[in-house]
Amino acid sequence: MKKNKGMLILFLLLGWLAGTWIAKALEPVKAVSFLTASTPIKWSPSADLDIIIYDINLELHFSLLSLLGIIAAIWLYRRL
């Protein structure tokens, strides 16, 4: 399989998603709460230019398990 940037981005997104799903599934378990606690990163640019008005809200949530998913995705991508 040919490696390219699109494939790397796909692997990263899928790893992030898998880590987040595992974190959501483990939220009720108090013993691993340090792995499932997420930190939001917010960015909301907006402008009013009289003819165009835009307001974009982007919020990313990171937890240790989602970062582990990203690391696993990078490892799998390199093994291709």
PDB file of N, CA and C in Angstrom:
ATOM      1  N   MET A   1       0.840  -1.177   0.000  1.00  0.00           N
ATOM      2  CA  MET A   1       0.000   0.000   0.000  1.00  0.00           C
ATOM      3  C   MET A   1       0.889   1.245   0.000  1.00  0.00           C
ATOM      4  N   LYS A   2       0.518   2.214  -0.820  1.00  0.00           N
ATOM      5  CA  LYS A   2       1.307   3.432  -0.941  1.00  0.00           C
ATOM      6  C   LYS A   2       0.996   4.384   0.212  1.00  0.00           C
ATOM      7  N   LYS A   3       2.056   4.904   0.844  1.00  0.00           N
ATOM      8  CA  LYS A   3       1.888   5.862   1.930  1.00  0.00           C
ATOM      9  C   LYS A   3       1.801   7.268   1.353  1.00  0.00           C
ATOM     10  N   ASN A   4       0.853   8.039   1.859  1.00  0.00           N
ATOM     11  CA  ASN A   4       0.744   9.437   1.475  1.00  0.00           C
ATOM     12  C   ASN A   4       0.151  10.233   2.638  1.00  0.00           C
ATOM     13  N   LYS A   5       0.080  11.542   2.486  1.00  0.00           N
ATOM     14  CA  LYS A   5      -0.388  12.400   3.577  1.00  0.00           C
ATOM     15  C   LYS A   5      -1.860  12.165   3.891  1.00  0.00           C
ATOM     16  N   GLY A   6      -2.654  11.907   2.875  1.00  0.00           N
ATOM     17  CA  GLY A   6      -4.075  11.649   3.101  1.00  0.00           C
ATOM     18  C   GLY A   6      -4.294  10.412   3.951  1.00  0.00           C
ATOM     19  N   MET A   7      -3.516   9.380   3.686  1.00  0.00           N
ATOM     20  CA  MET A   7      -3.625   8.141   4.455  1.00  0.00           C
ATOM     21  C   MET A   7      -3.190   8.368   5.901  1.00  0.00           C
ATOM     22  N   LEU A   8      -2.136   9.170   6.099  1.00  0.00           N
ATOM     23  CA  LEU A   8      -1.680   9.480   7.453  1.00  0.00           C
ATOM     24  C   LEU A   8      -2.761  10.238   8.212  1.00  0.00           C
ATOM     25  N   ILE A   9      -3.390  11.216   7.584  1.00  0.00           N
ATOM     26  CA  ILE A   9      -4.452  11.978   8.238  1.00  0.00           C
ATOM     27  C   ILE A   9      -5.626  11.061   8.590  1.00  0.00           C
ATOM     28  N   LEU A  10      -5.972  10.156   7.691  1.00  0.00           N
ATOM     29  CA  LEU A  10      -7.038   9.200   7.959  1.00  0.00           C
ATOM     30  C   LEU A  10      -6.698   8.327   9.167  1.00  0.00           C
ATOM     31  N   PHE A  11      -5.476   7.820   9.225  1.00  0.00           N
ATOM     32  CA  PHE A  11      -5.045   7.004  10.353  1.00  0.00           C
ATOM     33  C   PHE A  11      -5.110   7.807  11.653  1.00  0.00           C
ATOM     34  N   LEU A  12      -4.646   9.071  11.619  1.00  0.00           N
ATOM     35  CA  LEU A  12      -4.664   9.905  12.817  1.00  0.00           C
ATOM     36  C   LEU A  12      -6.089  10.144  13.307  1.00  0.00           C
ATOM     37  N   LEU A  13      -6.995  10.456  12.390  1.00  0.00           N
ATOM     38  CA  LEU A  13      -8.387  10.693  12.783  1.00  0.00           C
ATOM     39  C   LEU A  13      -9.042   9.431  13.334  1.00  0.00           C
ATOM     40  N   LEU A  14      -8.775   8.300  12.701  1.00  0.00           N
ATOM     41  CA  LEU A  14      -9.353   7.053  13.193  1.00  0.00           C
ATOM     42  C   LEU A  14      -8.769   6.648  14.547  1.00  0.00           C
ATOM     43  N   GLY A  15      -7.481   6.880  14.747  1.00  0.00           N
ATOM     44  CA  GLY A  15      -6.871   6.600  16.043  1.00  0.00           C
ATOM     45  C   GLY A  15      -7.427   7.497  17.134  1.00  0.00           C
ATOM     46  N   TRP A  16      -7.605   8.778  16.809  1.00  0.00           N
ATOM     47  CA  TRP A  16      -8.183   9.725  17.756  1.00  0.00           C
ATOM     48  C   TRP A  16      -9.616   9.324  18.107  1.00  0.00           C
ATOM     49  N   LEU A  17     -10.381   8.947  17.092  1.00  0.00           N
ATOM     50  CA  LEU A  17     -11.760   8.530  17.302  1.00  0.00           C
ATOM     51  C   LEU A  17     -11.840   7.260  18.138  1.00  0.00           C
ATOM     52  N   ALA A  18     -10.994   6.292  17.853  1.00  0.00           N
ATOM     53  CA  ALA A  18     -10.997   5.039  18.617  1.00  0.00           C
ATOM     54  C   ALA A  18     -10.621   5.292  20.071  1.00  0.00           C
ATOM     55  N   GLY A  19      -9.603   6.127  20.309  1.00  0.00           N
ATOM     56  CA  GLY A  19      -9.214   6.457  21.679  1.00  0.00           C
ATOM     57  C   GLY A  19     -10.315   7.180  22.424  1.00  0.00           C
ATOM     58  N   THR A  20     -11.024   8.062  21.732  1.00  0.00           N
ATOM     59  CA  THR A  20     -12.126   8.791  22.361  1.00  0.00           C
ATOM     60  C   THR A  20     -13.275   7.853  22.691  1.00  0.00           C
ATOM     61  N   TRP A  21     -13.584   6.908  21.798  1.00  0.00           N
ATOM     62  CA  TRP A  21     -14.647   5.942  22.081  1.00  0.00           C
ATOM     63  C   TRP A  21     -14.301   5.068  23.281  1.00  0.00           C
ATOM     64  N   ILE A  22     -13.054   4.662  23.385  1.00  0.00           N
ATOM     65  CA  ILE A  22     -12.639   3.861  24.537  1.00  0.00           C
ATOM     66  C   ILE A  22     -12.741   4.693  25.811  1.00  0.00           C
ATOM     67  N   ALA A  23     -12.339   5.963  25.746  1.00  0.00           N
ATOM     68  CA  ALA A  23     -12.441   6.844  26.912  1.00  0.00           C
ATOM     69  C   ALA A  23     -13.899   7.025  27.330  1.00  0.00           C
ATOM     70  N   LYS A  24     -14.800   7.185  26.360  1.00  0.00           N
ATOM     71  CA  LYS A  24     -16.230   7.329  26.681  1.00  0.00           C
ATOM     72  C   LYS A  24     -16.769   6.053  27.328  1.00  0.00           C
ATOM     73  N   ALA A  25     -16.323   4.903  26.848  1.00  0.00           N
ATOM     74  CA  ALA A  25     -16.792   3.631  27.399  1.00  0.00           C
ATOM     75  C   ALA A  25     -16.275   3.420  28.823  1.00  0.00           C
ATOM     76  N   LEU A  26     -15.094   3.952  29.129  1.00  0.00           N
ATOM     77  CA  LEU A  26     -14.492   3.755  30.452  1.00  0.00           C
ATOM     78  C   LEU A  26     -14.796   4.888  31.426  1.00  0.00           C
ATOM     79  N   GLU A  27     -15.606   5.870  31.041  1.00  0.00           N
ATOM     80  CA  GLU A  27     -15.925   6.984  31.939  1.00  0.00           C
ATOM     81  C   GLU A  27     -16.533   6.555  33.271  1.00  0.00           C
ATOM     82  N   PRO A  28     -17.419   5.537  33.323  1.00  0.00           N
ATOM     83  CA  PRO A  28     -17.981   5.142  34.619  1.00  0.00           C
ATOM     84  C   PRO A  28     -16.969   4.512  35.574  1.00  0.00           C
ATOM     85  N   VAL A  29     -15.837   4.056  35.081  1.00  0.00           N
ATOM     86  CA  VAL A  29     -14.835   3.401  35.924  1.00  0.00           C
ATOM     87  C   VAL A  29     -13.989   4.475  36.595  1.00  0.00           C
ATOM     88  N   LYS A  30     -14.105   4.592  37.905  1.00  0.00           N
ATOM     89  CA  LYS A  30     -13.407   5.651  38.647  1.00  0.00           C
ATOM     90  C   LYS A  30     -11.892   5.434  38.704  1.00  0.00           C
ATOM     91  N   ALA A  31     -11.438   4.193  38.627  1.00  0.00           N
ATOM     92  CA  ALA A  31     -10.004   3.894  38.754  1.00  0.00           C
ATOM     93  C   ALA A  31      -9.188   4.424  37.578  1.00  0.00           C
ATOM     94  N   VAL A  32      -9.812   4.625  36.433  1.00  0.00           N
ATOM     95  CA  VAL A  32      -9.089   5.114  35.255  1.00  0.00           C
ATOM     96  C   VAL A  32      -9.554   6.515  34.850  1.00  0.00           C
ATOM     97  N   SER A  33     -10.024   7.282  35.814  1.00  0.00           N
ATOM     98  CA  SER A  33     -10.547   8.611  35.495  1.00  0.00           C
ATOM     99  C   SER A  33      -9.458   9.545  34.972  1.00  0.00           C
ATOM    100  N   PHE A  34      -8.201   9.310  35.335  1.00  0.00           N
ATOM    101  CA  PHE A  34      -7.109  10.138  34.819  1.00  0.00           C
ATOM    102  C   PHE A  34      -6.883   9.895  33.327  1.00  0.00           C
ATOM    103  N   LEU A  35      -7.273   8.737  32.814  1.00  0.00           N
ATOM    104  CA  LEU A  35      -7.149   8.444  31.383  1.00  0.00           C
ATOM    105  C   LEU A  35      -8.321   8.989  30.573  1.00  0.00           C
ATOM    106  N   THR A  36      -9.478   9.112  31.209  1.00  0.00           N
ATOM    107  CA  THR A  36     -10.682   9.495  30.478  1.00  0.00           C
ATOM    108  C   THR A  36     -11.023  10.976  30.585  1.00  0.00           C
ATOM    109  N   ALA A  37     -10.378  11.711  31.480  1.00  0.00           N
ATOM    110  CA  ALA A  37     -10.666  13.142  31.617  1.00  0.00           C
ATOM    111  C   ALA A  37     -10.188  13.875  30.364  1.00  0.00           C
ATOM    112  N   SER A  38     -11.090  14.642  29.760  1.00  0.00           N
ATOM    113  CA  SER A  38     -10.726  15.313  28.519  1.00  0.00           C
ATOM    114  C   SER A  38     -10.526  16.804  28.746  1.00  0.00           C
ATOM    115  N   THR A  39      -9.651  17.365  27.941  1.00  0.00           N
ATOM    116  CA  THR A  39      -9.362  18.790  27.972  1.00  0.00           C
ATOM    117  C   THR A  39      -9.797  19.397  26.648  1.00  0.00           C
ATOM    118  N   PRO A  40     -10.715  20.359  26.694  1.00  0.00           N
ATOM    119  CA  PRO A  40     -11.155  20.966  25.429  1.00  0.00           C
ATOM    120  C   PRO A  40     -10.211  22.072  24.965  1.00  0.00           C
ATOM    121  N   ILE A  41     -10.025  22.144  23.680  1.00  0.00           N
ATOM    122  CA  ILE A  41      -9.288  23.240  23.042  1.00  0.00           C
ATOM    123  C   ILE A  41     -10.283  23.918  22.114  1.00  0.00           C
ATOM    124  N   LYS A  42     -10.525  25.206  22.357  1.00  0.00           N
ATOM    125  CA  LYS A  42     -11.552  25.931  21.601  1.00  0.00           C
ATOM    126  C   LYS A  42     -10.923  27.024  20.749  1.00  0.00           C
ATOM    127  N   TRP A  43     -11.486  27.202  19.551  1.00  0.00           N
ATOM    128  CA  TRP A  43     -11.081  28.274  18.642  1.00  0.00           C
ATOM    129  C   TRP A  43     -12.326  28.743  17.927  1.00  0.00           C
ATOM    130  N   SER A  44     -12.630  30.020  18.016  1.00  0.00           N
ATOM    131  CA  SER A  44     -13.834  30.541  17.362  1.00  0.00           C
ATOM    132  C   SER A  44     -13.559  31.876  16.688  1.00  0.00           C
ATOM    133  N   PRO A  45     -13.065  31.826  15.458  1.00  0.00           N
ATOM    134  CA  PRO A  45     -12.878  33.065  14.706  1.00  0.00           C
ATOM    135  C   PRO A  45     -14.217  33.573  14.152  1.00  0.00           C
ATOM    136  N   SER A  46     -14.340  34.875  14.084  1.00  0.00           N
ATOM    137  CA  SER A  46     -15.547  35.464  13.497  1.00  0.00           C
ATOM    138  C   SER A  46     -15.190  36.828  12.926  1.00  0.00           C
ATOM    139  N   ALA A  47     -16.005  37.266  11.970  1.00  0.00           N
ATOM    140  CA  ALA A  47     -15.785  38.569  11.352  1.00  0.00           C
ATOM    141  C   ALA A  47     -17.099  39.092  10.783  1.00  0.00           C
ATOM    142  N   ASP A  48     -17.208  40.408  10.748  1.00  0.00           N
ATOM    143  CA  ASP A  48     -18.334  41.090  10.121  1.00  0.00           C
ATOM    144  C   ASP A  48     -17.746  42.077   9.120  1.00  0.00           C
ATOM    145  N   LEU A  49     -17.778  41.717   7.849  1.00  0.00           N
ATOM    146  CA  LEU A  49     -17.160  42.527   6.801  1.00  0.00           C
ATOM    147  C   LEU A  49     -18.205  43.249   5.950  1.00  0.00           C
ATOM    148  N   ASP A  50     -19.363  43.535   6.507  1.00  0.00           N
ATOM    149  CA  ASP A  50     -20.491  44.205   5.867  1.00  0.00           C
ATOM    150  C   ASP A  50     -21.158  43.376   4.775  1.00  0.00           C
ATOM    151  N   ILE A  51     -20.417  42.697   3.931  1.00  0.00           N
ATOM    152  CA  ILE A  51     -21.052  41.860   2.910  1.00  0.00           C
ATOM    153  C   ILE A  51     -20.975  40.374   3.258  1.00  0.00           C
ATOM    154  N   ILE A  52     -20.041  40.030   4.113  1.00  0.00           N
ATOM    155  CA  ILE A  52     -19.888  38.640   4.552  1.00  0.00           C
ATOM    156  C   ILE A  52     -19.741  38.640   6.067  1.00  0.00           C
ATOM    157  N   ILE A  53     -20.517  37.801   6.707  1.00  0.00           N
ATOM    158  CA  ILE A  53     -20.412  37.612   8.151  1.00  0.00           C
ATOM    159  C   ILE A  53     -20.175  36.118   8.386  1.00  0.00           C
ATOM    160  N   TYR A  54     -19.150  35.800   9.151  1.00  0.00           N
ATOM    161  CA  TYR A  54     -18.935  34.387   9.468  1.00  0.00           C
ATOM    162  C   TYR A  54     -18.586  34.228  10.932  1.00  0.00           C
ATOM    163  N   ASP A  55     -18.941  33.087  11.441  1.00  0.00           N
ATOM    164  CA  ASP A  55     -18.674  32.715  12.824  1.00  0.00           C
ATOM    165  C   ASP A  55     -18.425  31.213  12.842  1.00  0.00           C
ATOM    166  N   ILE A  56     -17.205  30.830  13.112  1.00  0.00           N
ATOM    167  CA  ILE A  56     -16.823  29.417  13.101  1.00  0.00           C
ATOM    168  C   ILE A  56     -16.450  29.003  14.518  1.00  0.00           C
ATOM    169  N   ASN A  57     -16.999  27.895  14.974  1.00  0.00           N
ATOM    170  CA  ASN A  57     -16.662  27.361  16.296  1.00  0.00           C
ATOM    171  C   ASN A  57     -16.019  25.996  16.124  1.00  0.00           C
ATOM    172  N   LEU A  58     -14.808  25.856  16.605  1.00  0.00           N
ATOM    173  CA  LEU A  58     -14.085  24.590  16.533  1.00  0.00           C
ATOM    174  C   LEU A  58     -13.666  24.223  17.946  1.00  0.00           C
ATOM    175  N   GLU A  59     -14.055  23.035  18.370  1.00  0.00           N
ATOM    176  CA  GLU A  59     -13.720  22.576  19.711  1.00  0.00           C
ATOM    177  C   GLU A  59     -13.179  21.152  19.621  1.00  0.00           C
ATOM    178  N   LEU A  60     -11.966  20.948  20.102  1.00  0.00           N
ATOM    179  CA  LEU A  60     -11.317  19.638  20.097  1.00  0.00           C
ATOM    180  C   LEU A  60     -11.176  19.157  21.532  1.00  0.00           C
ATOM    181  N   HIS A  61     -11.463  17.883  21.760  1.00  0.00           N
ATOM    182  CA  HIS A  61     -11.334  17.301  23.098  1.00  0.00           C
ATOM    183  C   HIS A  61     -10.225  16.251  23.069  1.00  0.00           C
ATOM    184  N   PHE A  62      -9.266  16.415  23.957  1.00  0.00           N
ATOM    185  CA  PHE A  62      -8.157  15.474  24.065  1.00  0.00           C
ATOM    186  C   PHE A  62      -8.174  14.827  25.444  1.00  0.00           C
ATOM    187  N   SER A  63      -7.932  13.531  25.480  1.00  0.00           N
ATOM    188  CA  SER A  63      -7.714  12.807  26.724  1.00  0.00           C
ATOM    189  C   SER A  63      -6.464  11.945  26.521  1.00  0.00           C
ATOM    190  N   LEU A  64      -5.993  11.360  27.585  1.00  0.00           N
ATOM    191  CA  LEU A  64      -4.804  10.507  27.449  1.00  0.00           C
ATOM    192  C   LEU A  64      -5.087   9.301  26.551  1.00  0.00           C
ATOM    193  N   LEU A  65      -6.294   8.763  26.638  1.00  0.00           N
ATOM    194  CA  LEU A  65      -6.621   7.616  25.782  1.00  0.00           C
ATOM    195  C   LEU A  65      -6.719   8.016  24.315  1.00  0.00           C
ATOM    196  N   SER A  66      -7.205   9.206  24.026  1.00  0.00           N
ATOM    197  CA  SER A  66      -7.249   9.638  22.630  1.00  0.00           C
ATOM    198  C   SER A  66      -5.833   9.878  22.108  1.00  0.00           C
ATOM    199  N   LEU A  67      -4.952  10.394  22.953  1.00  0.00           N
ATOM    200  CA  LEU A  67      -3.557  10.558  22.535  1.00  0.00           C
ATOM    201  C   LEU A  67      -2.876   9.201  22.328  1.00  0.00           C
ATOM    202  N   LEU A  68      -3.215   8.229  23.166  1.00  0.00           N
ATOM    203  CA  LEU A  68      -2.686   6.874  22.958  1.00  0.00           C
ATOM    204  C   LEU A  68      -3.214   6.282  21.649  1.00  0.00           C
ATOM    205  N   GLY A  69      -4.453   6.576  21.297  1.00  0.00           N
ATOM    206  CA  GLY A  69      -5.008   6.133  20.019  1.00  0.00           C
ATOM    207  C   GLY A  69      -4.268   6.752  18.846  1.00  0.00           C
ATOM    208  N   ILE A  70      -3.911   8.033  18.958  1.00  0.00           N
ATOM    209  CA  ILE A  70      -3.154   8.701  17.906  1.00  0.00           C
ATOM    210  C   ILE A  70      -1.765   8.095  17.773  1.00  0.00           C
ATOM    211  N   ILE A  71      -1.127   7.810  18.893  1.00  0.00           N
ATOM    212  CA  ILE A  71       0.210   7.193  18.871  1.00  0.00           C
ATOM    213  C   ILE A  71       0.135   5.798  18.247  1.00  0.00           C
ATOM    214  N   ALA A  72      -0.902   5.036  18.588  1.00  0.00           N
ATOM    215  CA  ALA A  72      -1.078   3.710  17.987  1.00  0.00           C
ATOM    216  C   ALA A  72      -1.325   3.818  16.486  1.00  0.00           C
ATOM    217  N   ALA A  73      -2.059   4.835  16.063  1.00  0.00           N
ATOM    218  CA  ALA A  73      -2.316   5.030  14.631  1.00  0.00           C
ATOM    219  C   ALA A  73      -1.024   5.351  13.889  1.00  0.00           C
ATOM    220  N   ILE A  74      -0.173   6.181  14.481  1.00  0.00           N
ATOM    221  CA  ILE A  74       1.115   6.496  13.855  1.00  0.00           C
ATOM    222  C   ILE A  74       1.968   5.233  13.751  1.00  0.00           C
ATOM    223  N   TRP A  75       1.964   4.435  14.798  1.00  0.00           N
ATOM    224  CA  TRP A  75       2.734   3.187  14.789  1.00  0.00           C
ATOM    225  C   TRP A  75       2.215   2.251  13.695  1.00  0.00           C
ATOM    226  N   LEU A  76       0.888   2.120  13.578  1.00  0.00           N
ATOM    227  CA  LEU A  76       0.324   1.263  12.528  1.00  0.00           C
ATOM    228  C   LEU A  76       0.631   1.802  11.135  1.00  0.00           C
ATOM    229  N   TYR A  77       0.588   3.103  10.962  1.00  0.00           N
ATOM    230  CA  TYR A  77       0.883   3.720   9.669  1.00  0.00           C
ATOM    231  C   TYR A  77       2.328   3.438   9.277  1.00  0.00           C
ATOM    232  N   ARG A  78       3.240   3.523  10.202  1.00  0.00           N
ATOM    233  CA  ARG A  78       4.657   3.278   9.898  1.00  0.00           C
ATOM    234  C   ARG A  78       4.916   1.807   9.578  1.00  0.00           C
ATOM    235  N   ARG A  79       4.079   0.916  10.098  1.00  0.00           N
ATOM    236  CA  ARG A  79       4.258  -0.518   9.835  1.00  0.00           C
ATOM    237  C   ARG A  79       3.705  -0.931   8.484  1.00  0.00           C
ATOM    238  N   LEU A  80       2.975  -0.052   7.806  1.00  0.00           N
ATOM    239  CA  LEU A  80       2.430  -0.382   6.486  1.00  0.00           C
ATOM    240  C   LEU A  80       3.532  -0.661   5.485  1.00  0.00           C
TER     241      LEU A  80
END
